[in-house]
Every structure is written in C-alpha cells, then in structure tokens.
Amino acid sequence: MIVTTTNSIEGREISRYNDPIAANVVIGTNIFSDIGASYVDFFGGRSTSYEKKMQEMYKRITETLKQGAQAIRADAIIGLSVDIDEISGKGS
C-alpha cells in the first residue's frame, strides 16, 4: 500500500475519497532510558534509546493506518501527517 505525505500520487488518479482514518499509539520508556536522556539533555548529543522508540512509534502508526485503510478498501493513504507528543507520568 502506498503511504505518502503529499496530496496526490504521480501517475495515479484518485477515484474515490474516504473519511479520514486516524491512529493513536502510546509507548512507555523505562527508567534507564529516562536517566540516559537526562544526561543527553544536560551534556548534549543524541538519545539513541528515544530515537528507537520514535521509530517504533512511527512504524506502529503507519501499520495501524494501513490496516484501517484496507478495512475500507482503500489502496493508498495520502496526506499523511504524524504528530508525536510527550505524555509524562507526572501529569505534564
């Protein structure tokens, strides 16, 4: 299935528009990832554990959207937009 952020697919005609589909994914991290990220925040650099979690989230989101699209017999997802927000256990 084609998944694109653009509003059209070159060489393909859109024959039918469906209602939008959506997906929500929540992934938790462990205490060691959080501690490592705190050091990265302070000293600079990259948090590979968080980057891997973000990649996992994106993959799960696109797979969930593909399943939703297949359920309504769509053959592509156009105009994909992904928004990732932090939800903290501390209520922030």
PDB file of N, CA and C in Angstrom:
ATOM      1  N   MET A   1       0.843  -1.174   0.000  1.00  0.00           N
ATOM      2  CA  MET A   1       0.000   0.000   0.000  1.00  0.00           C
ATOM      3  C   MET A   1       0.890   1.238   0.000  1.00  0.00           C
ATOM      4  N   ILE A   2       0.539   2.182  -0.834  1.00  0.00           N
ATOM      5  CA  ILE A   2       1.283   3.441  -0.914  1.00  0.00           C
ATOM      6  C   ILE A   2       0.857   4.341   0.246  1.00  0.00           C
ATOM      7  N   VAL A   3       1.836   4.890   0.947  1.00  0.00           N
ATOM      8  CA  VAL A   3       1.598   5.859   2.015  1.00  0.00           C
ATOM      9  C   VAL A   3       2.457   7.071   1.699  1.00  0.00           C
ATOM     10  N   THR A   4       1.825   8.240   1.595  1.00  0.00           N
ATOM     11  CA  THR A   4       2.567   9.446   1.237  1.00  0.00           C
ATOM     12  C   THR A   4       2.051  10.656   2.012  1.00  0.00           C
ATOM     13  N   THR A   5       2.938  11.610   2.214  1.00  0.00           N
ATOM     14  CA  THR A   5       2.550  12.856   2.874  1.00  0.00           C
ATOM     15  C   THR A   5       1.989  13.868   1.880  1.00  0.00           C
ATOM     16  N   THR A   6       2.131  13.584   0.600  1.00  0.00           N
ATOM     17  CA  THR A   6       1.634  14.501  -0.424  1.00  0.00           C
ATOM     18  C   THR A   6       0.137  14.304  -0.628  1.00  0.00           C
ATOM     19  N   ASN A   7      -0.495  15.250  -1.318  1.00  0.00           N
ATOM     20  CA  ASN A   7      -1.935  15.183  -1.550  1.00  0.00           C
ATOM     21  C   ASN A   7      -2.308  14.465  -2.835  1.00  0.00           C
ATOM     22  N   SER A   8      -1.323  13.949  -3.529  1.00  0.00           N
ATOM     23  CA  SER A   8      -1.584  13.182  -4.746  1.00  0.00           C
ATOM     24  C   SER A   8      -0.424  12.219  -4.958  1.00  0.00           C
ATOM     25  N   ILE A   9      -0.640  11.272  -5.867  1.00  0.00           N
ATOM     26  CA  ILE A   9       0.398  10.313  -6.219  1.00  0.00           C
ATOM     27  C   ILE A   9       0.614  10.425  -7.717  1.00  0.00           C
ATOM     28  N   GLU A  10       1.831  10.779  -8.101  1.00  0.00           N
ATOM     29  CA  GLU A  10       2.133  10.979  -9.512  1.00  0.00           C
ATOM     30  C   GLU A  10       1.783   9.724 -10.315  1.00  0.00           C
ATOM     31  N   GLY A  11       1.058   9.939 -11.399  1.00  0.00           N
ATOM     32  CA  GLY A  11       0.684   8.837 -12.278  1.00  0.00           C
ATOM     33  C   GLY A  11      -0.534   8.059 -11.824  1.00  0.00           C
ATOM     34  N   ARG A  12      -1.140   8.448 -10.712  1.00  0.00           N
ATOM     35  CA  ARG A  12      -2.332   7.758 -10.203  1.00  0.00           C
ATOM     36  C   ARG A  12      -3.474   8.754 -10.090  1.00  0.00           C
ATOM     37  N   GLU A  13      -4.657   8.316 -10.458  1.00  0.00           N
ATOM     38  CA  GLU A  13      -5.844   9.152 -10.343  1.00  0.00           C
ATOM     39  C   GLU A  13      -6.622   8.738  -9.102  1.00  0.00           C
ATOM     40  N   ILE A  14      -7.075   9.721  -8.348  1.00  0.00           N
ATOM     41  CA  ILE A  14      -7.892   9.436  -7.166  1.00  0.00           C
ATOM     42  C   ILE A  14      -9.325   9.266  -7.639  1.00  0.00           C
ATOM     43  N   SER A  15      -9.852   8.063  -7.478  1.00  0.00           N
ATOM     44  CA  SER A  15     -11.203   7.782  -7.965  1.00  0.00           C
ATOM     45  C   SER A  15     -12.256   7.912  -6.868  1.00  0.00           C
ATOM     46  N   ARG A  16     -11.820   7.896  -5.598  1.00  0.00           N
ATOM     47  CA  ARG A  16     -12.774   7.951  -4.503  1.00  0.00           C
ATOM     48  C   ARG A  16     -12.074   8.492  -3.266  1.00  0.00           C
ATOM     49  N   TYR A  17     -12.760   9.352  -2.551  1.00  0.00           N
ATOM     50  CA  TYR A  17     -12.255   9.866  -1.276  1.00  0.00           C
ATOM     51  C   TYR A  17     -13.047   9.217  -0.144  1.00  0.00           C
ATOM     52  N   ASN A  18     -12.364   8.818   0.899  1.00  0.00           N
ATOM     53  CA  ASN A  18     -12.995   8.211   2.068  1.00  0.00           C
ATOM     54  C   ASN A  18     -12.907   9.166   3.245  1.00  0.00           C
ATOM     55  N   ASP A  19     -13.634   8.835   4.299  1.00  0.00           N
ATOM     56  CA  ASP A  19     -13.489   9.597   5.539  1.00  0.00           C
ATOM     57  C   ASP A  19     -12.060   9.427   6.041  1.00  0.00           C
ATOM     58  N   PRO A  20     -11.547  10.414   6.753  1.00  0.00           N
ATOM     59  CA  PRO A  20     -10.182  10.293   7.282  1.00  0.00           C
ATOM     60  C   PRO A  20     -10.064   9.107   8.242  1.00  0.00           C
ATOM     61  N   ILE A  21      -8.884   8.528   8.286  1.00  0.00           N
ATOM     62  CA  ILE A  21      -8.588   7.492   9.270  1.00  0.00           C
ATOM     63  C   ILE A  21      -7.551   8.053  10.234  1.00  0.00           C
ATOM     64  N   ALA A  22      -7.550   7.534  11.444  1.00  0.00           N
ATOM     65  CA  ALA A  22      -6.625   8.037  12.466  1.00  0.00           C
ATOM     66  C   ALA A  22      -6.071   6.869  13.260  1.00  0.00           C
ATOM     67  N   ALA A  23      -4.947   7.091  13.899  1.00  0.00           N
ATOM     68  CA  ALA A  23      -4.334   6.078  14.756  1.00  0.00           C
ATOM     69  C   ALA A  23      -3.695   6.771  15.947  1.00  0.00           C
ATOM     70  N   ASN A  24      -3.784   6.130  17.083  1.00  0.00           N
ATOM     71  CA  ASN A  24      -3.137   6.614  18.302  1.00  0.00           C
ATOM     72  C   ASN A  24      -2.262   5.501  18.848  1.00  0.00           C
ATOM     73  N   VAL A  25      -1.049   5.836  19.192  1.00  0.00           N
ATOM     74  CA  VAL A  25      -0.107   4.866  19.738  1.00  0.00           C
ATOM     75  C   VAL A  25       0.534   5.485  20.972  1.00  0.00           C
ATOM     76  N   VAL A  26       0.589   4.721  22.050  1.00  0.00           N
ATOM     77  CA  VAL A  26       1.251   5.173  23.273  1.00  0.00           C
ATOM     78  C   VAL A  26       2.352   4.173  23.593  1.00  0.00           C
ATOM     79  N   ILE A  27       3.550   4.671  23.778  1.00  0.00           N
ATOM     80  CA  ILE A  27       4.694   3.818  24.100  1.00  0.00           C
ATOM     81  C   ILE A  27       5.352   4.367  25.356  1.00  0.00           C
ATOM     82  N   GLY A  28       5.632   3.490  26.286  1.00  0.00           N
ATOM     83  CA  GLY A  28       6.323   3.887  27.509  1.00  0.00           C
ATOM     84  C   GLY A  28       7.812   3.628  27.381  1.00  0.00           C
ATOM     85  N   THR A  29       8.577   4.371  28.134  1.00  0.00           N
ATOM     86  CA  THR A  29      10.019   4.129  28.212  1.00  0.00           C
ATOM     87  C   THR A  29      10.318   3.606  29.606  1.00  0.00           C
ATOM     88  N   ASN A  30      11.504   3.128  29.794  1.00  0.00           N
ATOM     89  CA  ASN A  30      11.850   2.650  31.132  1.00  0.00           C
ATOM     90  C   ASN A  30      12.730   3.675  31.839  1.00  0.00           C
ATOM     91  N   ILE A  31      12.958   3.460  33.089  1.00  0.00           N
ATOM     92  CA  ILE A  31      13.718   4.402  33.923  1.00  0.00           C
ATOM     93  C   ILE A  31      15.132   4.628  33.389  1.00  0.00           C
ATOM     94  N   PHE A  32      15.750   3.580  32.831  1.00  0.00           N
ATOM     95  CA  PHE A  32      17.116   3.717  32.334  1.00  0.00           C
ATOM     96  C   PHE A  32      17.172   4.613  31.095  1.00  0.00           C
ATOM     97  N   SER A  33      16.148   4.515  30.234  1.00  0.00           N
ATOM     98  CA  SER A  33      16.081   5.410  29.079  1.00  0.00           C
ATOM     99  C   SER A  33      15.936   6.853  29.532  1.00  0.00           C
ATOM    100  N   ASP A  34      15.085   7.058  30.552  1.00  0.00           N
ATOM    101  CA  ASP A  34      14.866   8.410  31.067  1.00  0.00           C
ATOM    102  C   ASP A  34      16.137   8.995  31.681  1.00  0.00           C
ATOM    103  N   ILE A  35      16.867   8.182  32.418  1.00  0.00           N
ATOM    104  CA  ILE A  35      18.123   8.656  33.022  1.00  0.00           C
ATOM    105  C   ILE A  35      19.129   9.002  31.932  1.00  0.00           C
ATOM    106  N   GLY A  36      19.249   8.127  30.932  1.00  0.00           N
ATOM    107  CA  GLY A  36      20.167   8.390  29.817  1.00  0.00           C
ATOM    108  C   GLY A  36      19.800   9.658  29.073  1.00  0.00           C
ATOM    109  N   ALA A  37      18.501   9.878  28.872  1.00  0.00           N
ATOM    110  CA  ALA A  37      18.050  11.081  28.174  1.00  0.00           C
ATOM    111  C   ALA A  37      18.345  12.331  28.994  1.00  0.00           C
ATOM    112  N   SER A  38      18.289  12.219  30.314  1.00  0.00           N
ATOM    113  CA  SER A  38      18.617  13.367  31.173  1.00  0.00           C
ATOM    114  C   SER A  38      20.067  13.796  30.974  1.00  0.00           C
ATOM    115  N   TYR A  39      20.972  12.834  30.868  1.00  0.00           N
ATOM    116  CA  TYR A  39      22.382  13.151  30.606  1.00  0.00           C
ATOM    117  C   TYR A  39      22.552  13.792  29.235  1.00  0.00           C
ATOM    118  N   VAL A  40      21.828  13.265  28.242  1.00  0.00           N
ATOM    119  CA  VAL A  40      21.906  13.834  26.891  1.00  0.00           C
ATOM    120  C   VAL A  40      21.399  15.267  26.903  1.00  0.00           C
ATOM    121  N   ASP A  41      20.295  15.522  27.630  1.00  0.00           N
ATOM    122  CA  ASP A  41      19.769  16.886  27.739  1.00  0.00           C
ATOM    123  C   ASP A  41      20.802  17.828  28.342  1.00  0.00           C
ATOM    124  N   PHE A  42      21.512  17.358  29.358  1.00  0.00           N
ATOM    125  CA  PHE A  42      22.469  18.201  30.067  1.00  0.00           C
ATOM    126  C   PHE A  42      23.760  18.397  29.275  1.00  0.00           C
ATOM    127  N   PHE A  43      24.328  17.304  28.762  1.00  0.00           N
ATOM    128  CA  PHE A  43      25.630  17.365  28.098  1.00  0.00           C
ATOM    129  C   PHE A  43      25.547  17.528  26.582  1.00  0.00           C
ATOM    130  N   GLY A  44      24.389  17.291  26.010  1.00  0.00           N
ATOM    131  CA  GLY A  44      24.238  17.359  24.554  1.00  0.00           C
ATOM    132  C   GLY A  44      24.413  15.986  23.931  1.00  0.00           C
ATOM    133  N   GLY A  45      24.080  15.893  22.673  1.00  0.00           N
ATOM    134  CA  GLY A  45      24.203  14.622  21.967  1.00  0.00           C
ATOM    135  C   GLY A  45      22.845  14.072  21.584  1.00  0.00           C
ATOM    136  N   ARG A  46      22.824  12.768  21.316  1.00  0.00           N
ATOM    137  CA  ARG A  46      21.605  12.114  20.851  1.00  0.00           C
ATOM    138  C   ARG A  46      21.239  10.969  21.788  1.00  0.00           C
ATOM    139  N   SER A  47      19.961  10.792  21.979  1.00  0.00           N
ATOM    140  CA  SER A  47      19.468   9.679  22.784  1.00  0.00           C
ATOM    141  C   SER A  47      19.006   8.574  21.843  1.00  0.00           C
ATOM    142  N   THR A  48      19.868   7.588  21.620  1.00  0.00           N
ATOM    143  CA  THR A  48      19.514   6.514  20.680  1.00  0.00           C
ATOM    144  C   THR A  48      18.338   5.686  21.188  1.00  0.00           C
ATOM    145  N   SER A  49      18.191   5.543  22.495  1.00  0.00           N
ATOM    146  CA  SER A  49      17.051   4.769  23.006  1.00  0.00           C
ATOM    147  C   SER A  49      15.735   5.477  22.680  1.00  0.00           C
ATOM    148  N   TYR A  50      15.697   6.802  22.810  1.00  0.00           N
ATOM    149  CA  TYR A  50      14.489   7.546  22.450  1.00  0.00           C
ATOM    150  C   TYR A  50      14.280   7.548  20.942  1.00  0.00           C
ATOM    151  N   GLU A  51      15.354   7.649  20.176  1.00  0.00           N
ATOM    152  CA  GLU A  51      15.225   7.616  18.720  1.00  0.00           C
ATOM    153  C   GLU A  51      14.626   6.290  18.260  1.00  0.00           C
ATOM    154  N   LYS A  52      15.053   5.201  18.874  1.00  0.00           N
ATOM    155  CA  LYS A  52      14.497   3.885  18.528  1.00  0.00           C
ATOM    156  C   LYS A  52      13.018   3.814  18.880  1.00  0.00           C
ATOM    157  N   LYS A  53      12.641   4.376  20.019  1.00  0.00           N
ATOM    158  CA  LYS A  53      11.229   4.400  20.414  1.00  0.00           C
ATOM    159  C   LYS A  53      10.399   5.217  19.425  1.00  0.00           C
ATOM    160  N   MET A  54      10.945   6.340  18.964  1.00  0.00           N
ATOM    161  CA  MET A  54      10.237   7.169  17.988  1.00  0.00           C
ATOM    162  C   MET A  54      10.054   6.421  16.675  1.00  0.00           C
ATOM    163  N   GLN A  55      11.083   5.724  16.234  1.00  0.00           N
ATOM    164  CA  GLN A  55      10.977   4.928  15.013  1.00  0.00           C
ATOM    165  C   GLN A  55       9.933   3.829  15.178  1.00  0.00           C
ATOM    166  N   GLU A  56       9.913   3.195  16.341  1.00  0.00           N
ATOM    167  CA  GLU A  56       8.922   2.155  16.618  1.00  0.00           C
ATOM    168  C   GLU A  56       7.509   2.733  16.583  1.00  0.00           C
ATOM    169  N   MET A  57       7.335   3.919  17.162  1.00  0.00           N
ATOM    170  CA  MET A  57       6.026   4.571  17.146  1.00  0.00           C
ATOM    171  C   MET A  57       5.573   4.854  15.725  1.00  0.00           C
ATOM    172  N   TYR A  58       6.458   5.408  14.915  1.00  0.00           N
ATOM    173  CA  TYR A  58       6.099   5.740  13.536  1.00  0.00           C
ATOM    174  C   TYR A  58       5.702   4.474  12.773  1.00  0.00           C
ATOM    175  N   LYS A  59       6.455   3.397  12.970  1.00  0.00           N
ATOM    176  CA  LYS A  59       6.145   2.136  12.290  1.00  0.00           C
ATOM    177  C   LYS A  59       4.781   1.609  12.730  1.00  0.00           C
ATOM    178  N   ARG A  60       4.508   1.638  14.032  1.00  0.00           N
ATOM    179  CA  ARG A  60       3.218   1.153  14.533  1.00  0.00           C
ATOM    180  C   ARG A  60       2.066   2.012  14.035  1.00  0.00           C
ATOM    181  N   ILE A  61       2.283   3.320  13.968  1.00  0.00           N
ATOM    182  CA  ILE A  61       1.240   4.219  13.470  1.00  0.00           C
ATOM    183  C   ILE A  61       0.924   3.913  12.013  1.00  0.00           C
ATOM    184  N   THR A  62       1.945   3.814  11.178  1.00  0.00           N
ATOM    185  CA  THR A  62       1.689   3.564   9.757  1.00  0.00           C
ATOM    186  C   THR A  62       1.055   2.193   9.542  1.00  0.00           C
ATOM    187  N   GLU A  63       1.464   1.182  10.309  1.00  0.00           N
ATOM    188  CA  GLU A  63       0.852  -0.143  10.176  1.00  0.00           C
ATOM    189  C   GLU A  63      -0.624  -0.105  10.584  1.00  0.00           C
ATOM    190  N   THR A  64      -0.939   0.613  11.654  1.00  0.00           N
ATOM    191  CA  THR A  64      -2.327   0.746  12.099  1.00  0.00           C
ATOM    192  C   THR A  64      -3.161   1.478  11.057  1.00  0.00           C
ATOM    193  N   LEU A  65      -2.601   2.532  10.469  1.00  0.00           N
ATOM    194  CA  LEU A  65      -3.312   3.266   9.426  1.00  0.00           C
ATOM    195  C   LEU A  65      -3.538   2.405   8.191  1.00  0.00           C
ATOM    196  N   LYS A  66      -2.548   1.618   7.814  1.00  0.00           N
ATOM    197  CA  LYS A  66      -2.703   0.719   6.664  1.00  0.00           C
ATOM    198  C   LYS A  66      -3.831  -0.278   6.902  1.00  0.00           C
ATOM    199  N   GLN A  67      -3.912  -0.818   8.105  1.00  0.00           N
ATOM    200  CA  GLN A  67      -4.990  -1.752   8.424  1.00  0.00           C
ATOM    201  C   GLN A  67      -6.348  -1.070   8.316  1.00  0.00           C
ATOM    202  N   GLY A  68      -6.430   0.168   8.811  1.00  0.00           N
ATOM    203  CA  GLY A  68      -7.674   0.923   8.707  1.00  0.00           C
ATOM    204  C   GLY A  68      -8.044   1.215   7.268  1.00  0.00           C
ATOM    205  N   ALA A  69      -7.052   1.536   6.458  1.00  0.00           N
ATOM    206  CA  ALA A  69      -7.302   1.816   5.042  1.00  0.00           C
ATOM    207  C   ALA A  69      -7.758   0.553   4.313  1.00  0.00           C
ATOM    208  N   GLN A  70      -7.132  -0.568   4.619  1.00  0.00           N
ATOM    209  CA  GLN A  70      -7.532  -1.829   3.993  1.00  0.00           C
ATOM    210  C   GLN A  70      -8.954  -2.206   4.385  1.00  0.00           C
ATOM    211  N   ALA A  71      -9.341  -1.904   5.614  1.00  0.00           N
ATOM    212  CA  ALA A  71     -10.687  -2.226   6.089  1.00  0.00           C
ATOM    213  C   ALA A  71     -11.764  -1.486   5.305  1.00  0.00           C
ATOM    214  N   ILE A  72     -11.432  -0.312   4.784  1.00  0.00           N
ATOM    215  CA  ILE A  72     -12.406   0.446   3.984  1.00  0.00           C
ATOM    216  C   ILE A  72     -12.105   0.336   2.490  1.00  0.00           C
ATOM    217  N   ARG A  73     -11.262  -0.627   2.147  1.00  0.00           N
ATOM    218  CA  ARG A  73     -10.909  -0.946   0.757  1.00  0.00           C
ATOM    219  C   ARG A  73     -10.217   0.195   0.019  1.00  0.00           C
ATOM    220  N   ALA A  74      -9.411   0.937   0.744  1.00  0.00           N
ATOM    221  CA  ALA A  74      -8.592   1.977   0.114  1.00  0.00           C
ATOM    222  C   ALA A  74      -7.294   1.326  -0.349  1.00  0.00           C
ATOM    223  N   ASP A  75      -6.701   1.871  -1.408  1.00  0.00           N
ATOM    224  CA  ASP A  75      -5.440   1.298  -1.883  1.00  0.00           C
ATOM    225  C   ASP A  75      -4.249   2.219  -1.655  1.00  0.00           C
ATOM    226  N   ALA A  76      -4.484   3.349  -0.978  1.00  0.00           N
ATOM    227  CA  ALA A  76      -3.388   4.268  -0.661  1.00  0.00           C
ATOM    228  C   ALA A  76      -3.818   5.186   0.479  1.00  0.00           C
ATOM    229  N   ILE A  77      -2.827   5.739   1.152  1.00  0.00           N
ATOM    230  CA  ILE A  77      -3.052   6.772   2.165  1.00  0.00           C
ATOM    231  C   ILE A  77      -2.302   8.000   1.688  1.00  0.00           C
ATOM    232  N   ILE A  78      -3.037   9.082   1.466  1.00  0.00           N
ATOM    233  CA  ILE A  78      -2.394  10.320   1.017  1.00  0.00           C
ATOM    234  C   ILE A  78      -2.542  11.378   2.105  1.00  0.00           C
ATOM    235  N   GLY A  79      -1.642  12.343   2.080  1.00  0.00           N
ATOM    236  CA  GLY A  79      -1.702  13.448   3.035  1.00  0.00           C
ATOM    237  C   GLY A  79      -1.399  13.035   4.464  1.00  0.00           C
ATOM    238  N   LEU A  80      -0.545  12.032   4.638  1.00  0.00           N
ATOM    239  CA  LEU A  80      -0.224  11.554   5.988  1.00  0.00           C
ATOM    240  C   LEU A  80       0.457  12.649   6.802  1.00  0.00           C
ATOM    241  N   SER A  81      -0.031  12.822   8.008  1.00  0.00           N
ATOM    242  CA  SER A  81       0.573  13.752   8.959  1.00  0.00           C
ATOM    243  C   SER A  81       0.660  13.039  10.299  1.00  0.00           C
ATOM    244  N   VAL A  82       1.839  13.035  10.900  1.00  0.00           N
ATOM    245  CA  VAL A  82       2.051  12.373  12.183  1.00  0.00           C
ATOM    246  C   VAL A  82       2.457  13.423  13.204  1.00  0.00           C
ATOM    247  N   ASP A  83       1.789  13.407  14.340  1.00  0.00           N
ATOM    248  CA  ASP A  83       2.093  14.334  15.430  1.00  0.00           C
ATOM    249  C   ASP A  83       2.454  13.497  16.648  1.00  0.00           C
ATOM    250  N   ILE A  84       3.627  13.717  17.195  1.00  0.00           N
ATOM    251  CA  ILE A  84       4.083  12.960  18.354  1.00  0.00           C
ATOM    252  C   ILE A  84       4.221  13.915  19.530  1.00  0.00           C
ATOM    253  N   ASP A  85       3.523  13.593  20.617  1.00  0.00           N
ATOM    254  CA  ASP A  85       3.542  14.426  21.814  1.00  0.00           C
ATOM    255  C   ASP A  85       4.020  13.612  23.006  1.00  0.00           C
ATOM    256  N   GLU A  86       4.584  14.307  23.969  1.00  0.00           N
ATOM    257  CA  GLU A  86       5.037  13.673  25.207  1.00  0.00           C
ATOM    258  C   GLU A  86       3.908  13.675  26.224  1.00  0.00           C
ATOM    259  N   ILE A  87       3.731  12.535  26.862  1.00  0.00           N
ATOM    260  CA  ILE A  87       2.810  12.442  27.989  1.00  0.00           C
ATOM    261  C   ILE A  87       3.637  11.946  29.159  1.00  0.00           C
ATOM    262  N   SER A  88       3.716  12.741  30.190  1.00  0.00           N
ATOM    263  CA  SER A  88       4.547  12.385  31.338  1.00  0.00           C
ATOM    264  C   SER A  88       3.691  11.781  32.440  1.00  0.00           C
ATOM    265  N   GLY A  89       4.251  10.828  33.141  1.00  0.00           N
ATOM    266  CA  GLY A  89       3.565  10.234  34.277  1.00  0.00           C
ATOM    267  C   GLY A  89       3.395  11.203  35.429  1.00  0.00           C
ATOM    268  N   LYS A  90       4.076  12.329  35.344  1.00  0.00           N
ATOM    269  CA  LYS A  90       3.991  13.337  36.403  1.00  0.00           C
ATOM    270  C   LYS A  90       2.875  14.339  36.136  1.00  0.00           C
ATOM    271  N   GLY A  91       2.041  14.052  35.115  1.00  0.00           N
ATOM    272  CA  GLY A  91       0.924  14.934  34.826  1.00  0.00           C
ATOM    273  C   GLY A  91       1.270  16.117  33.955  1.00  0.00           C
ATOM    274  N   SER A  92       2.458  16.122  33.349  1.00  0.00           N
ATOM    275  CA  SER A  92       2.820  17.255  32.487  1.00  0.00           C
ATOM    276  C   SER A  92       2.872  16.828  31.049  1.00  0.00           C
TER     277      SER A  92
END
